[in-house]
Amino acid sequence: MTIADHVLKFLVSFVFLSVAMTVHEFCHGWAANKLGDTTAKSSGRLTLNPFSHIDPVNTCLLPLVLFVATRGQFIFGTAKPVPVNFLALKNLKKDIIWIGLSGSLANFTLALVLSVLWIFIPQTGPSDFIFSNLIVINIVLGVFNLIPVPPLDGARIMMGILPVKSASVYARLEPYGLIFVVAFLYLGVIDIFIMPVIGFMLGLLPKFTLVL
């Protein structure tokens, strides 16, 4: 594969990732809004405009680093976290769990919808490529975000489960979250624990065939 091929593969994967991240963040904002916090709405984050959710490091740099580090085999990124005013939530411990889950649930739902639609779409090279890769990226994003490491959504869910004091201590790990993610990748933790879950979830879909 030439350098031009790698560049094209990254750009296409990044576009698909941006779609998945936009849906993910929109649903965080939507869930928070439904639970009483209008911060996301008032700050312009309750939108499907991908440019409203871009974070220079986690949206742009992280996917590029992971793509290069894995020689084009893996791409992942996160958008700018949706702001949440915890004081506005009706039931803090329960609501923060639902807000944390909402993004991944949205990605899983989108993957399921795409898989069902794919059954009725004429089988062509371009359509198969688009559907298969959009499905994979949504499943990967949904599963990966459930890892309980700040600033991923799994950590937000854990903070809703843990006692207040423990959750406060746990939240202090957030500045080191990216280091943990990269370390997990290099130590093979992702391959051992996360990839089997991704494979299992893909296997549950009505139709899925990876087309590269």
N, C-alpha and C. Protein backbone atom coordinates (compact mmCIF):
# COMPACT_ATOMS: atom_id res chain seq x y z
N MET A 1 0.85 -1.19 0.00
CA MET A 1 0.00 0.00 0.00
C MET A 1 0.89 1.25 0.00
N THR A 2 0.65 2.15 -0.91
CA THR A 2 1.45 3.37 -1.03
C THR A 2 1.06 4.39 0.04
N ILE A 3 1.88 5.44 0.15
CA ILE A 3 1.58 6.52 1.10
C ILE A 3 0.25 7.16 0.76
N ALA A 4 0.01 7.36 -0.54
CA ALA A 4 -1.26 7.96 -0.98
C ALA A 4 -2.45 7.10 -0.55
N ASP A 5 -2.30 5.77 -0.63
CA ASP A 5 -3.36 4.85 -0.21
C ASP A 5 -3.63 4.99 1.29
N HIS A 6 -2.54 5.10 2.07
CA HIS A 6 -2.67 5.25 3.52
C HIS A 6 -3.38 6.56 3.87
N VAL A 7 -3.01 7.62 3.16
CA VAL A 7 -3.62 8.93 3.40
C VAL A 7 -5.11 8.88 3.09
N LEU A 8 -5.45 8.26 1.96
CA LEU A 8 -6.86 8.14 1.56
C LEU A 8 -7.63 7.30 2.57
N LYS A 9 -7.03 6.20 3.02
CA LYS A 9 -7.68 5.33 3.99
C LYS A 9 -7.95 6.09 5.29
N PHE A 10 -6.96 6.88 5.72
CA PHE A 10 -7.13 7.66 6.95
C PHE A 10 -8.25 8.68 6.80
N LEU A 11 -8.26 9.40 5.68
CA LEU A 11 -9.27 10.44 5.47
C LEU A 11 -10.68 9.86 5.45
N VAL A 12 -10.85 8.73 4.76
CA VAL A 12 -12.16 8.08 4.68
C VAL A 12 -12.58 7.60 6.07
N SER A 13 -11.65 6.96 6.79
CA SER A 13 -11.94 6.47 8.14
C SER A 13 -12.27 7.61 9.07
N PHE A 14 -11.57 8.74 8.89
CA PHE A 14 -11.80 9.91 9.74
C PHE A 14 -13.20 10.49 9.51
N VAL A 15 -13.64 10.50 8.26
CA VAL A 15 -14.99 10.98 7.95
C VAL A 15 -16.03 10.09 8.63
N PHE A 16 -15.86 8.77 8.51
CA PHE A 16 -16.79 7.84 9.15
C PHE A 16 -16.76 8.02 10.67
N LEU A 17 -15.56 8.19 11.22
CA LEU A 17 -15.41 8.39 12.66
C LEU A 17 -16.11 9.67 13.11
N SER A 18 -16.00 10.71 12.29
CA SER A 18 -16.64 11.99 12.61
C SER A 18 -18.16 11.85 12.69
N VAL A 19 -18.73 11.05 11.78
CA VAL A 19 -20.17 10.80 11.80
C VAL A 19 -20.55 10.11 13.11
N ALA A 20 -19.79 9.08 13.47
CA ALA A 20 -20.09 8.32 14.69
C ALA A 20 -19.92 9.19 15.93
N MET A 21 -18.86 10.01 15.97
CA MET A 21 -18.62 10.87 17.12
C MET A 21 -19.69 11.94 17.26
N THR A 22 -20.15 12.47 16.14
CA THR A 22 -21.19 13.51 16.17
C THR A 22 -22.49 12.96 16.75
N VAL A 23 -22.90 11.78 16.29
CA VAL A 23 -24.10 11.14 16.83
C VAL A 23 -23.92 10.86 18.33
N HIS A 24 -22.74 10.40 18.67
CA HIS A 24 -22.41 10.06 20.06
C HIS A 24 -22.57 11.28 20.97
N GLU A 25 -21.96 12.40 20.59
CA GLU A 25 -22.00 13.60 21.43
C GLU A 25 -23.38 14.25 21.44
N PHE A 26 -24.05 14.23 20.30
CA PHE A 26 -25.41 14.77 20.25
C PHE A 26 -26.30 14.07 21.26
N CYS A 27 -26.18 12.74 21.34
CA CYS A 27 -27.04 11.99 22.26
C CYS A 27 -26.67 12.21 23.72
N HIS A 28 -25.39 12.50 24.00
CA HIS A 28 -25.03 12.92 25.37
C HIS A 28 -25.79 14.19 25.72
N GLY A 29 -25.75 15.16 24.82
CA GLY A 29 -26.43 16.43 25.05
C GLY A 29 -27.93 16.26 25.15
N TRP A 30 -28.48 15.40 24.29
CA TRP A 30 -29.92 15.14 24.30
C TRP A 30 -30.35 14.52 25.62
N ALA A 31 -29.57 13.53 26.10
CA ALA A 31 -29.90 12.86 27.36
C ALA A 31 -29.82 13.85 28.52
N ALA A 32 -28.77 14.66 28.55
CA ALA A 32 -28.61 15.64 29.63
C ALA A 32 -29.77 16.64 29.61
N ASN A 33 -30.17 17.05 28.42
CA ASN A 33 -31.27 18.01 28.29
C ASN A 33 -32.58 17.41 28.81
N LYS A 34 -32.82 16.14 28.48
CA LYS A 34 -34.02 15.45 28.94
C LYS A 34 -34.04 15.27 30.45
N LEU A 35 -32.83 15.19 31.05
CA LEU A 35 -32.73 14.96 32.49
C LEU A 35 -32.63 16.25 33.29
N GLY A 36 -32.83 17.39 32.61
CA GLY A 36 -32.92 18.65 33.32
C GLY A 36 -31.78 19.62 33.14
N ASP A 37 -30.70 19.21 32.46
CA ASP A 37 -29.56 20.10 32.28
C ASP A 37 -29.55 20.64 30.85
N THR A 38 -29.73 21.95 30.70
CA THR A 38 -29.80 22.57 29.37
C THR A 38 -28.46 23.15 28.92
N THR A 39 -27.38 22.81 29.63
CA THR A 39 -26.06 23.37 29.32
C THR A 39 -25.63 23.07 27.89
N ALA A 40 -25.79 21.83 27.47
CA ALA A 40 -25.39 21.44 26.11
C ALA A 40 -26.17 22.23 25.07
N LYS A 41 -27.45 22.40 25.31
CA LYS A 41 -28.30 23.14 24.37
C LYS A 41 -27.90 24.60 24.30
N SER A 42 -27.68 25.22 25.46
CA SER A 42 -27.36 26.65 25.49
C SER A 42 -25.95 26.94 24.98
N SER A 43 -25.08 25.93 25.00
CA SER A 43 -23.70 26.12 24.51
C SER A 43 -23.52 25.67 23.06
N GLY A 44 -24.63 25.34 22.39
CA GLY A 44 -24.56 24.97 20.98
C GLY A 44 -24.10 23.56 20.71
N ARG A 45 -24.15 22.68 21.71
CA ARG A 45 -23.67 21.31 21.53
C ARG A 45 -24.79 20.33 21.23
N LEU A 46 -26.04 20.77 21.32
CA LEU A 46 -27.15 19.89 20.98
C LEU A 46 -27.42 20.01 19.49
N THR A 47 -26.45 19.52 18.70
CA THR A 47 -26.50 19.68 17.26
C THR A 47 -25.78 18.52 16.58
N LEU A 48 -26.16 18.26 15.33
CA LEU A 48 -25.50 17.22 14.54
C LEU A 48 -24.44 17.82 13.61
N ASN A 49 -24.07 19.06 13.87
CA ASN A 49 -22.97 19.70 13.13
C ASN A 49 -21.65 19.22 13.71
N PRO A 50 -20.87 18.43 12.97
CA PRO A 50 -19.63 17.86 13.52
C PRO A 50 -18.61 18.90 13.97
N PHE A 51 -18.62 20.08 13.36
CA PHE A 51 -17.65 21.10 13.71
C PHE A 51 -17.87 21.65 15.13
N SER A 52 -19.05 21.45 15.66
CA SER A 52 -19.35 21.91 17.02
C SER A 52 -18.76 20.99 18.07
N HIS A 53 -18.32 19.80 17.66
CA HIS A 53 -17.85 18.80 18.62
C HIS A 53 -16.35 18.51 18.49
N ILE A 54 -15.64 19.28 17.68
CA ILE A 54 -14.22 19.00 17.43
C ILE A 54 -13.34 19.42 18.60
N ASP A 55 -12.45 18.51 19.00
CA ASP A 55 -11.41 18.80 19.97
C ASP A 55 -10.08 18.59 19.25
N PRO A 56 -9.19 19.58 19.22
CA PRO A 56 -7.95 19.48 18.44
C PRO A 56 -7.13 18.22 18.73
N VAL A 57 -7.05 17.85 20.00
CA VAL A 57 -6.20 16.70 20.38
C VAL A 57 -6.95 15.38 20.18
N ASN A 58 -8.09 15.23 20.84
CA ASN A 58 -8.78 13.95 20.85
C ASN A 58 -9.54 13.63 19.57
N THR A 59 -9.94 14.66 18.83
CA THR A 59 -10.69 14.44 17.59
C THR A 59 -9.76 14.35 16.38
N CYS A 60 -8.69 15.11 16.39
CA CYS A 60 -7.81 15.19 15.22
C CYS A 60 -6.47 14.46 15.43
N LEU A 61 -5.77 14.79 16.52
CA LEU A 61 -4.44 14.23 16.74
C LEU A 61 -4.47 12.77 17.14
N LEU A 62 -5.35 12.42 18.09
CA LEU A 62 -5.40 11.04 18.58
C LEU A 62 -5.68 10.03 17.47
N PRO A 63 -6.70 10.24 16.61
CA PRO A 63 -6.92 9.27 15.52
C PRO A 63 -5.70 9.12 14.60
N LEU A 64 -5.01 10.23 14.33
CA LEU A 64 -3.84 10.17 13.46
C LEU A 64 -2.72 9.38 14.12
N VAL A 65 -2.48 9.62 15.41
CA VAL A 65 -1.42 8.91 16.14
C VAL A 65 -1.71 7.41 16.17
N LEU A 66 -2.95 7.04 16.48
CA LEU A 66 -3.31 5.63 16.56
C LEU A 66 -3.25 4.96 15.18
N PHE A 67 -3.65 5.70 14.16
CA PHE A 67 -3.61 5.16 12.79
C PHE A 67 -2.17 4.87 12.38
N VAL A 68 -1.28 5.81 12.68
CA VAL A 68 0.14 5.64 12.33
C VAL A 68 0.77 4.55 13.18
N ALA A 69 0.48 4.55 14.49
CA ALA A 69 1.07 3.59 15.42
C ALA A 69 0.68 2.16 15.09
N THR A 70 -0.53 1.97 14.56
CA THR A 70 -1.01 0.62 14.25
C THR A 70 -0.90 0.31 12.76
N ARG A 71 -0.19 1.17 12.04
CA ARG A 71 0.02 0.98 10.59
C ARG A 71 -1.30 0.86 9.83
N GLY A 72 -2.22 1.72 10.19
CA GLY A 72 -3.48 1.77 9.47
C GLY A 72 -4.51 0.74 9.87
N GLN A 73 -4.26 0.01 10.97
CA GLN A 73 -5.19 -1.05 11.37
C GLN A 73 -6.25 -0.60 12.37
N PHE A 74 -6.01 0.55 13.01
CA PHE A 74 -6.93 0.98 14.07
C PHE A 74 -7.03 2.50 14.11
N ILE A 75 -8.24 3.00 14.24
CA ILE A 75 -8.45 4.43 14.37
C ILE A 75 -9.52 4.67 15.42
N PHE A 76 -9.26 5.60 16.29
CA PHE A 76 -10.21 5.93 17.35
C PHE A 76 -9.98 7.37 17.79
N GLY A 77 -11.04 8.02 18.19
CA GLY A 77 -10.92 9.37 18.69
C GLY A 77 -12.15 9.72 19.49
N THR A 78 -12.08 10.83 20.19
CA THR A 78 -13.24 11.30 20.94
C THR A 78 -13.46 12.78 20.63
N ALA A 79 -14.70 13.18 20.69
CA ALA A 79 -15.02 14.58 20.45
C ALA A 79 -14.86 15.38 21.74
N LYS A 80 -15.05 16.68 21.64
CA LYS A 80 -15.01 17.54 22.81
C LYS A 80 -16.16 17.14 23.73
N PRO A 81 -15.86 16.83 25.00
CA PRO A 81 -16.92 16.37 25.91
C PRO A 81 -18.06 17.38 26.01
N VAL A 82 -19.27 16.88 26.01
CA VAL A 82 -20.44 17.73 26.19
C VAL A 82 -20.45 18.25 27.63
N PRO A 83 -20.57 19.56 27.82
CA PRO A 83 -20.59 20.11 29.19
C PRO A 83 -21.86 19.70 29.93
N VAL A 84 -21.68 19.33 31.18
CA VAL A 84 -22.81 18.92 32.01
C VAL A 84 -22.77 19.67 33.33
N ASN A 85 -23.87 20.31 33.68
CA ASN A 85 -24.01 20.96 34.97
C ASN A 85 -24.67 19.96 35.91
N PHE A 86 -23.85 19.29 36.71
CA PHE A 86 -24.36 18.22 37.56
C PHE A 86 -25.40 18.71 38.56
N LEU A 87 -25.32 19.98 38.95
CA LEU A 87 -26.27 20.52 39.91
C LEU A 87 -27.68 20.63 39.32
N ALA A 88 -27.77 20.64 37.98
CA ALA A 88 -29.07 20.77 37.33
C ALA A 88 -29.78 19.42 37.16
N LEU A 89 -29.06 18.33 37.38
CA LEU A 89 -29.65 17.01 37.22
C LEU A 89 -30.60 16.69 38.36
N LYS A 90 -31.66 15.99 38.05
CA LYS A 90 -32.68 15.69 39.04
C LYS A 90 -32.21 14.62 40.03
N ASN A 91 -31.49 13.63 39.50
CA ASN A 91 -30.97 12.56 40.35
C ASN A 91 -29.53 12.30 39.91
N LEU A 92 -28.58 12.96 40.57
CA LEU A 92 -27.19 12.99 40.10
C LEU A 92 -26.63 11.61 39.83
N LYS A 93 -26.67 10.70 40.78
CA LYS A 93 -26.02 9.40 40.63
C LYS A 93 -26.62 8.58 39.48
N LYS A 94 -27.95 8.60 39.38
CA LYS A 94 -28.61 7.82 38.33
C LYS A 94 -28.48 8.50 36.97
N ASP A 95 -28.66 9.82 36.95
CA ASP A 95 -28.65 10.55 35.68
C ASP A 95 -27.30 10.55 35.01
N ILE A 96 -26.22 10.61 35.80
CA ILE A 96 -24.88 10.63 35.20
C ILE A 96 -24.58 9.29 34.51
N ILE A 97 -25.17 8.22 35.04
CA ILE A 97 -25.00 6.91 34.40
C ILE A 97 -25.70 6.90 33.04
N TRP A 98 -26.92 7.43 33.00
CA TRP A 98 -27.67 7.46 31.74
C TRP A 98 -27.01 8.37 30.71
N ILE A 99 -26.47 9.48 31.17
CA ILE A 99 -25.77 10.39 30.25
C ILE A 99 -24.53 9.70 29.70
N GLY A 100 -23.81 8.98 30.57
CA GLY A 100 -22.63 8.26 30.13
C GLY A 100 -22.95 7.16 29.13
N LEU A 101 -24.05 6.46 29.36
CA LEU A 101 -24.45 5.35 28.48
C LEU A 101 -25.02 5.82 27.15
N SER A 102 -25.61 7.01 27.14
CA SER A 102 -26.37 7.46 25.96
C SER A 102 -25.56 7.48 24.67
N GLY A 103 -24.31 7.91 24.74
CA GLY A 103 -23.49 7.99 23.53
C GLY A 103 -23.25 6.63 22.91
N SER A 104 -22.85 5.66 23.73
CA SER A 104 -22.59 4.31 23.22
C SER A 104 -23.86 3.65 22.73
N LEU A 105 -24.96 3.85 23.47
CA LEU A 105 -26.24 3.28 23.03
C LEU A 105 -26.65 3.84 21.67
N ALA A 106 -26.36 5.13 21.45
CA ALA A 106 -26.66 5.74 20.15
C ALA A 106 -25.84 5.10 19.04
N ASN A 107 -24.55 4.84 19.31
CA ASN A 107 -23.69 4.21 18.31
C ASN A 107 -24.15 2.78 18.00
N PHE A 108 -24.52 2.05 19.03
CA PHE A 108 -24.99 0.68 18.82
C PHE A 108 -26.31 0.67 18.03
N THR A 109 -27.18 1.62 18.34
CA THR A 109 -28.45 1.72 17.63
C THR A 109 -28.23 2.07 16.16
N LEU A 110 -27.32 3.02 15.92
CA LEU A 110 -27.02 3.41 14.54
C LEU A 110 -26.44 2.23 13.77
N ALA A 111 -25.55 1.47 14.41
CA ALA A 111 -24.97 0.29 13.75
C ALA A 111 -26.06 -0.73 13.41
N LEU A 112 -27.02 -0.91 14.31
CA LEU A 112 -28.11 -1.85 14.06
C LEU A 112 -28.99 -1.37 12.90
N VAL A 113 -29.32 -0.08 12.90
CA VAL A 113 -30.14 0.49 11.83
C VAL A 113 -29.44 0.34 10.48
N LEU A 114 -28.15 0.65 10.45
CA LEU A 114 -27.38 0.53 9.20
C LEU A 114 -27.34 -0.91 8.72
N SER A 115 -27.21 -1.84 9.67
CA SER A 115 -27.15 -3.26 9.32
C SER A 115 -28.46 -3.72 8.70
N VAL A 116 -29.58 -3.25 9.26
CA VAL A 116 -30.89 -3.61 8.71
C VAL A 116 -31.09 -2.99 7.33
N LEU A 117 -30.73 -1.71 7.21
CA LEU A 117 -30.86 -1.03 5.91
C LEU A 117 -30.01 -1.71 4.84
N TRP A 118 -28.85 -2.20 5.24
CA TRP A 118 -27.92 -2.82 4.30
C TRP A 118 -28.55 -4.03 3.60
N ILE A 119 -29.48 -4.69 4.30
CA ILE A 119 -30.15 -5.85 3.72
C ILE A 119 -30.91 -5.46 2.45
N PHE A 120 -31.45 -4.23 2.44
CA PHE A 120 -32.31 -3.80 1.34
C PHE A 120 -31.58 -2.92 0.31
N ILE A 121 -30.30 -2.66 0.55
CA ILE A 121 -29.52 -1.83 -0.37
C ILE A 121 -28.87 -2.71 -1.44
N PRO A 122 -28.93 -2.33 -2.71
CA PRO A 122 -28.26 -3.10 -3.76
C PRO A 122 -26.78 -3.32 -3.44
N GLN A 123 -26.33 -4.54 -3.65
CA GLN A 123 -24.95 -4.89 -3.30
C GLN A 123 -23.97 -4.36 -4.35
N THR A 124 -23.26 -3.31 -3.98
CA THR A 124 -22.22 -2.76 -4.85
C THR A 124 -20.98 -2.54 -4.01
N GLY A 125 -19.84 -2.40 -4.67
CA GLY A 125 -18.59 -2.17 -3.96
C GLY A 125 -18.65 -0.95 -3.05
N PRO A 126 -19.02 0.22 -3.57
CA PRO A 126 -19.08 1.44 -2.74
C PRO A 126 -20.07 1.34 -1.58
N SER A 127 -21.28 0.81 -1.83
CA SER A 127 -22.28 0.73 -0.76
C SER A 127 -21.84 -0.24 0.33
N ASP A 128 -21.27 -1.38 -0.07
CA ASP A 128 -20.79 -2.35 0.91
C ASP A 128 -19.65 -1.75 1.75
N PHE A 129 -18.77 -1.02 1.10
CA PHE A 129 -17.64 -0.39 1.80
C PHE A 129 -18.15 0.62 2.82
N ILE A 130 -19.08 1.47 2.43
CA ILE A 130 -19.61 2.51 3.32
C ILE A 130 -20.35 1.89 4.50
N PHE A 131 -21.25 0.96 4.23
CA PHE A 131 -22.04 0.37 5.30
C PHE A 131 -21.18 -0.42 6.28
N SER A 132 -20.28 -1.25 5.75
CA SER A 132 -19.48 -2.10 6.63
C SER A 132 -18.58 -1.27 7.54
N ASN A 133 -17.95 -0.24 6.97
CA ASN A 133 -17.02 0.56 7.78
C ASN A 133 -17.74 1.48 8.75
N LEU A 134 -18.90 2.01 8.35
CA LEU A 134 -19.68 2.83 9.29
C LEU A 134 -20.15 1.98 10.47
N ILE A 135 -20.55 0.77 10.18
CA ILE A 135 -21.00 -0.14 11.24
C ILE A 135 -19.86 -0.45 12.19
N VAL A 136 -18.70 -0.80 11.65
CA VAL A 136 -17.55 -1.13 12.49
C VAL A 136 -17.15 0.04 13.38
N ILE A 137 -17.05 1.22 12.79
CA ILE A 137 -16.60 2.38 13.55
C ILE A 137 -17.59 2.73 14.66
N ASN A 138 -18.88 2.58 14.40
CA ASN A 138 -19.87 2.85 15.45
C ASN A 138 -19.77 1.83 16.59
N ILE A 139 -19.57 0.57 16.25
CA ILE A 139 -19.41 -0.44 17.30
C ILE A 139 -18.13 -0.21 18.08
N VAL A 140 -17.03 0.06 17.38
CA VAL A 140 -15.75 0.31 18.05
C VAL A 140 -15.86 1.52 18.97
N LEU A 141 -16.43 2.61 18.47
CA LEU A 141 -16.56 3.82 19.28
C LEU A 141 -17.43 3.56 20.51
N GLY A 142 -18.54 2.85 20.30
CA GLY A 142 -19.45 2.56 21.41
C GLY A 142 -18.81 1.71 22.48
N VAL A 143 -18.12 0.64 22.07
CA VAL A 143 -17.48 -0.26 23.03
C VAL A 143 -16.30 0.43 23.71
N PHE A 144 -15.46 1.09 22.91
CA PHE A 144 -14.25 1.71 23.44
C PHE A 144 -14.60 2.76 24.50
N ASN A 145 -15.66 3.52 24.26
CA ASN A 145 -16.04 4.57 25.21
C ASN A 145 -16.54 4.03 26.53
N LEU A 146 -16.89 2.77 26.60
CA LEU A 146 -17.35 2.17 27.84
C LEU A 146 -16.20 1.70 28.73
N ILE A 147 -14.96 1.83 28.24
CA ILE A 147 -13.80 1.52 29.10
C ILE A 147 -13.81 2.50 30.27
N PRO A 148 -13.73 2.03 31.50
CA PRO A 148 -13.85 2.93 32.66
C PRO A 148 -12.57 3.71 32.98
N VAL A 149 -12.11 4.47 32.00
CA VAL A 149 -10.93 5.32 32.18
C VAL A 149 -11.29 6.74 31.79
N PRO A 150 -11.15 7.71 32.70
CA PRO A 150 -11.44 9.11 32.33
C PRO A 150 -10.55 9.53 31.16
N PRO A 151 -11.03 10.30 30.19
CA PRO A 151 -12.34 10.94 30.14
C PRO A 151 -13.40 10.15 29.37
N LEU A 152 -13.19 8.84 29.20
CA LEU A 152 -14.16 8.03 28.46
C LEU A 152 -15.46 7.88 29.25
N ASP A 153 -16.53 7.54 28.55
CA ASP A 153 -17.85 7.49 29.18
C ASP A 153 -17.95 6.42 30.27
N GLY A 154 -17.15 5.37 30.13
CA GLY A 154 -17.16 4.32 31.15
C GLY A 154 -16.79 4.87 32.51
N ALA A 155 -15.92 5.88 32.53
CA ALA A 155 -15.53 6.50 33.80
C ALA A 155 -16.70 7.28 34.39
N ARG A 156 -17.47 7.94 33.52
CA ARG A 156 -18.64 8.69 33.98
C ARG A 156 -19.66 7.74 34.60
N ILE A 157 -19.81 6.57 33.98
CA ILE A 157 -20.72 5.56 34.52
C ILE A 157 -20.23 5.07 35.88
N MET A 158 -18.90 4.84 35.98
CA MET A 158 -18.32 4.39 37.24
C MET A 158 -18.52 5.42 38.34
N MET A 159 -18.41 6.70 37.98
CA MET A 159 -18.59 7.77 38.96
C MET A 159 -20.03 7.80 39.48
N GLY A 160 -20.96 7.36 38.64
CA GLY A 160 -22.34 7.28 39.08
C GLY A 160 -22.58 6.11 40.00
N ILE A 161 -21.74 5.07 39.87
CA ILE A 161 -21.89 3.86 40.68
C ILE A 161 -21.13 3.99 42.00
N LEU A 162 -19.94 4.58 41.95
CA LEU A 162 -19.08 4.68 43.14
C LEU A 162 -19.64 5.66 44.17
N PRO A 163 -19.28 5.49 45.45
CA PRO A 163 -19.61 6.48 46.47
C PRO A 163 -18.99 7.83 46.10
N VAL A 164 -19.55 8.91 46.61
CA VAL A 164 -19.14 10.26 46.23
C VAL A 164 -17.64 10.48 46.42
N LYS A 165 -17.08 10.10 47.55
CA LYS A 165 -15.65 10.33 47.82
C LYS A 165 -14.79 9.55 46.85
N SER A 166 -15.13 8.30 46.60
CA SER A 166 -14.36 7.47 45.67
C SER A 166 -14.45 8.02 44.25
N ALA A 167 -15.64 8.49 43.88
CA ALA A 167 -15.84 9.05 42.54
C ALA A 167 -15.00 10.30 42.35
N SER A 168 -14.87 11.11 43.42
CA SER A 168 -14.06 12.33 43.35
C SER A 168 -12.60 12.00 43.12
N VAL A 169 -12.11 10.99 43.80
CA VAL A 169 -10.72 10.55 43.62
C VAL A 169 -10.51 9.99 42.22
N TYR A 170 -11.48 9.21 41.77
CA TYR A 170 -11.43 8.58 40.45
C TYR A 170 -11.37 9.62 39.34
N ALA A 171 -12.10 10.73 39.52
CA ALA A 171 -12.15 11.78 38.51
C ALA A 171 -10.80 12.46 38.31
N ARG A 172 -9.94 12.38 39.31
CA ARG A 172 -8.62 13.03 39.22
C ARG A 172 -7.69 12.34 38.23
N LEU A 173 -8.09 11.16 37.75
CA LEU A 173 -7.28 10.44 36.76
C LEU A 173 -7.41 11.02 35.36
N GLU A 174 -8.41 11.91 35.17
CA GLU A 174 -8.74 12.39 33.82
C GLU A 174 -7.56 12.98 33.06
N PRO A 175 -6.67 13.78 33.68
CA PRO A 175 -5.54 14.34 32.91
C PRO A 175 -4.61 13.28 32.33
N TYR A 176 -4.67 12.06 32.89
CA TYR A 176 -3.78 10.99 32.44
C TYR A 176 -4.50 9.96 31.57
N GLY A 177 -5.75 10.26 31.22
CA GLY A 177 -6.57 9.30 30.49
C GLY A 177 -5.97 8.87 29.16
N LEU A 178 -5.47 9.83 28.39
CA LEU A 178 -4.90 9.51 27.08
C LEU A 178 -3.69 8.60 27.22
N ILE A 179 -2.89 8.81 28.26
CA ILE A 179 -1.72 7.96 28.51
C ILE A 179 -2.17 6.52 28.76
N PHE A 180 -3.24 6.36 29.55
CA PHE A 180 -3.75 5.03 29.84
C PHE A 180 -4.24 4.34 28.56
N VAL A 181 -4.93 5.08 27.71
CA VAL A 181 -5.48 4.52 26.47
C VAL A 181 -4.35 4.02 25.57
N VAL A 182 -3.31 4.85 25.39
CA VAL A 182 -2.17 4.47 24.55
C VAL A 182 -1.43 3.29 25.16
N ALA A 183 -1.29 3.29 26.50
CA ALA A 183 -0.62 2.18 27.18
C ALA A 183 -1.39 0.87 26.99
N PHE A 184 -2.71 0.94 27.11
CA PHE A 184 -3.54 -0.25 26.90
C PHE A 184 -3.35 -0.80 25.49
N LEU A 185 -3.23 0.11 24.52
CA LEU A 185 -3.06 -0.31 23.14
C LEU A 185 -1.74 -1.05 22.95
N TYR A 186 -0.66 -0.48 23.50
CA TYR A 186 0.66 -1.08 23.32
C TYR A 186 0.85 -2.35 24.15
N LEU A 187 0.17 -2.46 25.29
CA LEU A 187 0.30 -3.64 26.14
C LEU A 187 -0.60 -4.79 25.70
N GLY A 188 -1.40 -4.53 24.68
CA GLY A 188 -2.26 -5.58 24.15
C GLY A 188 -3.57 -5.74 24.90
N VAL A 189 -3.87 -4.84 25.83
CA VAL A 189 -5.11 -4.94 26.59
C VAL A 189 -6.32 -4.82 25.67
N ILE A 190 -6.20 -3.94 24.66
CA ILE A 190 -7.31 -3.75 23.71
C ILE A 190 -7.57 -5.05 22.95
N ASP A 191 -6.50 -5.70 22.49
CA ASP A 191 -6.65 -6.94 21.73
C ASP A 191 -7.27 -8.05 22.57
N ILE A 192 -6.87 -8.12 23.85
CA ILE A 192 -7.30 -9.22 24.71
C ILE A 192 -8.75 -9.05 25.19
N PHE A 193 -9.09 -7.85 25.60
CA PHE A 193 -10.39 -7.63 26.24
C PHE A 193 -11.42 -6.91 25.37
N ILE A 194 -10.98 -5.95 24.57
CA ILE A 194 -11.94 -5.10 23.85
C ILE A 194 -12.32 -5.68 22.49
N MET A 195 -11.35 -6.17 21.74
CA MET A 195 -11.64 -6.68 20.40
C MET A 195 -12.62 -7.86 20.41
N PRO A 196 -12.52 -8.79 21.37
CA PRO A 196 -13.53 -9.87 21.40
C PRO A 196 -14.95 -9.35 21.62
N VAL A 197 -15.09 -8.29 22.43
CA VAL A 197 -16.41 -7.70 22.66
C VAL A 197 -16.93 -7.07 21.37
N ILE A 198 -16.04 -6.38 20.65
CA ILE A 198 -16.42 -5.77 19.38
C ILE A 198 -16.85 -6.85 18.39
N GLY A 199 -16.08 -7.92 18.32
CA GLY A 199 -16.42 -9.03 17.43
C GLY A 199 -17.74 -9.68 17.79
N PHE A 200 -17.99 -9.83 19.08
CA PHE A 200 -19.25 -10.42 19.55
C PHE A 200 -20.43 -9.56 19.13
N MET A 201 -20.31 -8.25 19.32
CA MET A 201 -21.42 -7.34 18.99
C MET A 201 -21.66 -7.28 17.48
N LEU A 202 -20.60 -7.32 16.69
CA LEU A 202 -20.77 -7.35 15.24
C LEU A 202 -21.50 -8.63 14.82
N GLY A 203 -21.21 -9.71 15.53
CA GLY A 203 -21.85 -10.98 15.21
C GLY A 203 -23.33 -11.01 15.52
N LEU A 204 -23.80 -10.09 16.36
CA LEU A 204 -25.22 -10.03 16.72
C LEU A 204 -26.06 -9.30 15.67
N LEU A 205 -25.39 -8.56 14.79
CA LEU A 205 -26.12 -7.75 13.80
C LEU A 205 -26.75 -8.62 12.71
N PRO A 206 -27.90 -8.19 12.18
CA PRO A 206 -28.60 -8.97 11.14
C PRO A 206 -27.74 -9.26 9.92
N LYS A 207 -26.92 -8.28 9.54
CA LYS A 207 -26.04 -8.49 8.39
C LYS A 207 -24.75 -7.73 8.64
N PHE A 208 -23.65 -8.46 8.53
CA PHE A 208 -22.37 -7.77 8.61
C PHE A 208 -21.28 -8.55 7.89
N THR A 209 -20.60 -7.87 6.99
CA THR A 209 -19.43 -8.40 6.32
C THR A 209 -18.46 -7.24 6.17
N LEU A 210 -17.26 -7.42 6.69
CA LEU A 210 -16.28 -6.32 6.61
C LEU A 210 -15.75 -6.21 5.21
N VAL A 211 -15.85 -5.01 4.65
CA VAL A 211 -15.36 -4.73 3.32
C VAL A 211 -14.31 -3.64 3.41
N LEU A 212 -13.07 -3.97 3.07
CA LEU A 212 -11.97 -3.01 3.18
C LEU A 212 -11.72 -2.34 1.84
